[in-house]
N, C-alpha and C. Protein backbone atom coordinates (compact mmCIF):
# COMPACT_ATOMS: atom_id res chain seq x y z
N MET A 1 120.13 105.18 83.24
CA MET A 1 121.38 104.91 82.57
C MET A 1 122.53 104.82 83.59
N ARG A 2 122.55 105.76 84.53
CA ARG A 2 123.63 105.75 85.53
C ARG A 2 123.58 104.51 86.40
N SER A 3 122.38 104.17 86.90
CA SER A 3 122.29 103.03 87.81
C SER A 3 122.74 101.75 87.12
N SER A 4 122.41 101.60 85.83
CA SER A 4 122.82 100.38 85.14
C SER A 4 124.33 100.32 84.95
N SER A 5 124.96 101.44 84.68
CA SER A 5 126.42 101.42 84.52
C SER A 5 127.12 101.25 85.87
N TYR A 6 126.50 101.70 86.94
CA TYR A 6 127.07 101.53 88.28
C TYR A 6 127.08 100.07 88.70
N VAL A 7 126.16 99.27 88.17
CA VAL A 7 126.13 97.84 88.50
C VAL A 7 127.47 97.22 88.10
N GLY A 8 127.87 97.43 86.87
CA GLY A 8 129.12 96.87 86.38
C GLY A 8 130.34 97.43 87.09
N ALA A 9 130.34 98.73 87.30
CA ALA A 9 131.48 99.37 87.95
C ALA A 9 131.65 98.87 89.38
N ASN A 10 130.56 98.74 90.10
CA ASN A 10 130.66 98.28 91.49
C ASN A 10 130.93 96.79 91.59
N TYR A 11 130.46 96.03 90.61
CA TYR A 11 130.81 94.60 90.61
C TYR A 11 132.32 94.45 90.39
N ARG A 12 132.84 95.24 89.49
CA ARG A 12 134.29 95.21 89.25
C ARG A 12 135.05 95.58 90.52
N ALA A 13 134.55 96.59 91.21
CA ALA A 13 135.18 96.99 92.48
C ALA A 13 135.07 95.87 93.51
N ALA A 14 133.94 95.17 93.53
CA ALA A 14 133.77 94.06 94.47
C ALA A 14 134.80 92.96 94.20
N CYS A 15 135.05 92.71 92.93
CA CYS A 15 136.03 91.67 92.57
C CYS A 15 137.44 92.03 93.01
N ARG A 16 137.66 93.30 93.25
CA ARG A 16 138.98 93.76 93.69
C ARG A 16 139.00 94.11 95.18
N ALA A 17 137.98 93.67 95.89
CA ALA A 17 137.88 93.98 97.32
C ALA A 17 139.07 93.40 98.09
N ARG A 18 139.45 94.12 99.14
CA ARG A 18 140.59 93.71 99.95
C ARG A 18 140.20 92.86 101.14
N SER A 19 138.90 92.77 101.40
CA SER A 19 138.44 91.97 102.53
C SER A 19 137.03 91.45 102.24
N LYS A 20 136.62 90.48 103.04
CA LYS A 20 135.27 89.93 102.90
C LYS A 20 134.22 91.00 103.18
N ALA A 21 134.49 91.85 104.16
CA ALA A 21 133.56 92.93 104.50
C ALA A 21 133.42 93.93 103.36
N GLU A 22 134.53 94.27 102.73
CA GLU A 22 134.49 95.20 101.61
C GLU A 22 133.76 94.57 100.42
N PHE A 23 134.00 93.27 100.20
CA PHE A 23 133.31 92.56 99.12
C PHE A 23 131.80 92.59 99.35
N HIS A 24 131.38 92.31 100.57
CA HIS A 24 129.96 92.33 100.92
C HIS A 24 129.37 93.72 100.71
N SER A 25 130.10 94.73 101.12
CA SER A 25 129.65 96.11 100.97
C SER A 25 129.46 96.49 99.50
N LYS A 26 130.44 96.14 98.68
CA LYS A 26 130.35 96.45 97.25
C LYS A 26 129.22 95.67 96.59
N LEU A 27 129.03 94.41 96.98
CA LEU A 27 127.92 93.63 96.44
C LEU A 27 126.58 94.24 96.83
N SER A 28 126.51 94.81 98.02
CA SER A 28 125.28 95.47 98.45
C SER A 28 124.96 96.65 97.53
N ILE A 29 125.98 97.35 97.11
CA ILE A 29 125.78 98.47 96.17
C ILE A 29 125.33 97.93 94.82
N VAL A 30 125.90 96.82 94.38
CA VAL A 30 125.48 96.19 93.12
C VAL A 30 124.00 95.85 93.18
N VAL A 31 123.56 95.25 94.28
CA VAL A 31 122.15 94.89 94.44
C VAL A 31 121.28 96.14 94.38
N GLU A 32 121.68 97.16 95.09
CA GLU A 32 120.92 98.41 95.12
C GLU A 32 120.81 99.04 93.72
N GLU A 33 121.90 99.09 93.01
CA GLU A 33 121.90 99.71 91.68
C GLU A 33 121.14 98.86 90.66
N ALA A 34 121.25 97.54 90.76
CA ALA A 34 120.49 96.67 89.86
C ALA A 34 118.99 96.83 90.09
N ASP A 35 118.61 96.92 91.35
CA ASP A 35 117.20 97.13 91.67
C ASP A 35 116.71 98.48 91.17
N GLU A 36 117.55 99.49 91.29
CA GLU A 36 117.19 100.81 90.79
C GLU A 36 117.04 100.80 89.26
N SER A 37 117.89 100.04 88.59
CA SER A 37 117.79 99.93 87.13
C SER A 37 116.45 99.32 86.72
N VAL A 38 116.05 98.26 87.42
CA VAL A 38 114.76 97.63 87.15
C VAL A 38 113.63 98.63 87.41
N PHE A 39 113.73 99.36 88.50
CA PHE A 39 112.72 100.36 88.84
C PHE A 39 112.54 101.37 87.70
N TRP A 40 113.66 101.91 87.19
CA TRP A 40 113.55 102.93 86.15
C TRP A 40 113.01 102.36 84.84
N MET A 41 113.33 101.11 84.56
CA MET A 41 112.75 100.48 83.37
C MET A 41 111.23 100.34 83.53
N GLU A 42 110.80 99.98 84.73
CA GLU A 42 109.36 99.88 85.00
C GLU A 42 108.69 101.25 84.88
N VAL A 43 109.34 102.28 85.34
CA VAL A 43 108.80 103.64 85.23
C VAL A 43 108.65 104.03 83.76
N LEU A 44 109.65 103.74 82.96
CA LEU A 44 109.58 104.06 81.53
C LEU A 44 108.40 103.37 80.86
N VAL A 45 108.14 102.13 81.24
CA VAL A 45 107.01 101.40 80.66
C VAL A 45 105.69 101.98 81.16
N GLU A 46 105.58 102.21 82.46
CA GLU A 46 104.34 102.73 83.05
C GLU A 46 104.01 104.14 82.54
N ALA A 47 105.02 104.91 82.24
CA ALA A 47 104.80 106.27 81.74
C ALA A 47 104.59 106.29 80.22
N ASP A 48 104.56 105.14 79.61
CA ASP A 48 104.40 105.00 78.16
C ASP A 48 105.49 105.72 77.37
N VAL A 49 106.67 105.77 77.94
CA VAL A 49 107.81 106.34 77.24
C VAL A 49 108.41 105.27 76.31
N VAL A 50 108.39 104.03 76.79
CA VAL A 50 108.93 102.90 76.04
C VAL A 50 107.90 101.77 76.09
N LYS A 51 107.76 101.07 74.98
CA LYS A 51 106.85 99.92 74.96
C LYS A 51 107.44 98.77 75.76
N LYS A 52 106.57 98.07 76.48
CA LYS A 52 107.01 96.96 77.32
C LYS A 52 107.80 95.93 76.52
N GLU A 53 107.35 95.67 75.29
CA GLU A 53 108.04 94.69 74.45
C GLU A 53 109.49 95.05 74.19
N ASN A 54 109.77 96.34 74.16
CA ASN A 54 111.13 96.81 73.89
C ASN A 54 112.07 96.66 75.09
N LEU A 55 111.51 96.55 76.27
CA LEU A 55 112.34 96.45 77.48
C LEU A 55 112.26 95.09 78.16
N ILE A 56 111.41 94.21 77.68
CA ILE A 56 111.18 92.96 78.39
C ILE A 56 112.47 92.14 78.57
N HIS A 57 113.30 92.09 77.55
CA HIS A 57 114.55 91.32 77.66
C HIS A 57 115.54 92.00 78.60
N LEU A 58 115.62 93.31 78.53
CA LEU A 58 116.52 94.03 79.44
C LEU A 58 116.06 93.93 80.89
N THR A 59 114.76 94.02 81.09
CA THR A 59 114.22 93.90 82.45
C THR A 59 114.49 92.50 83.00
N ASP A 60 114.28 91.51 82.17
CA ASP A 60 114.56 90.13 82.59
C ASP A 60 116.03 89.96 82.95
N GLU A 61 116.89 90.47 82.12
CA GLU A 61 118.34 90.38 82.37
C GLU A 61 118.72 91.11 83.66
N ALA A 62 118.17 92.29 83.86
CA ALA A 62 118.45 93.05 85.07
C ALA A 62 117.97 92.31 86.32
N ASN A 63 116.80 91.69 86.24
CA ASN A 63 116.29 90.91 87.37
C ASN A 63 117.17 89.70 87.66
N GLN A 64 117.70 89.07 86.61
CA GLN A 64 118.61 87.94 86.82
C GLN A 64 119.90 88.39 87.50
N ILE A 65 120.43 89.51 87.04
CA ILE A 65 121.64 90.06 87.67
C ILE A 65 121.37 90.40 89.13
N LEU A 66 120.22 90.98 89.39
CA LEU A 66 119.82 91.33 90.75
C LEU A 66 119.77 90.08 91.64
N LYS A 67 119.15 89.02 91.14
CA LYS A 67 119.04 87.78 91.92
C LYS A 67 120.41 87.15 92.17
N ILE A 68 121.26 87.16 91.17
CA ILE A 68 122.60 86.58 91.32
C ILE A 68 123.41 87.37 92.36
N ALA A 69 123.38 88.68 92.26
CA ALA A 69 124.13 89.52 93.20
C ALA A 69 123.59 89.37 94.62
N ALA A 70 122.27 89.32 94.76
CA ALA A 70 121.67 89.16 96.09
C ALA A 70 122.02 87.81 96.69
N ALA A 71 122.01 86.75 95.87
CA ALA A 71 122.38 85.42 96.36
C ALA A 71 123.86 85.37 96.74
N SER A 72 124.71 86.03 95.96
CA SER A 72 126.14 86.08 96.27
C SER A 72 126.39 86.81 97.58
N ARG A 73 125.68 87.91 97.77
CA ARG A 73 125.81 88.69 99.01
C ARG A 73 125.40 87.85 100.20
N LYS A 74 124.31 87.10 100.03
CA LYS A 74 123.81 86.25 101.11
C LYS A 74 124.83 85.15 101.45
N THR A 75 125.44 84.58 100.42
CA THR A 75 126.45 83.54 100.63
C THR A 75 127.65 84.09 101.38
N VAL A 76 128.09 85.29 101.00
CA VAL A 76 129.25 85.90 101.64
C VAL A 76 128.96 86.20 103.10
N SER A 77 127.75 86.62 103.40
CA SER A 77 127.42 86.98 104.78
C SER A 77 127.18 85.74 105.65
N GLY A 78 127.05 84.58 105.01
CA GLY A 78 126.86 83.34 105.77
C GLY A 78 125.45 83.12 106.25
N LYS A 79 124.49 83.83 105.69
CA LYS A 79 123.09 83.68 106.12
C LYS A 79 122.33 82.83 105.16
């Protein structure tokens, strides 16, 4: 729950960054937290706490956010 809410909070902070370096740093945190959110959803499914069908849309959405943030970070760094 925390990692998923941190994605939004850190993205908002990235949008208010004062420099390109700060923006890149905040986006890196977004990527890390989005990946952690996906990880915990996978753990919930593997531990049979939640049925895969119940999380499939959220996991897909989280992976899309992760890919977008990672691509944005890559663009900002010029690589």
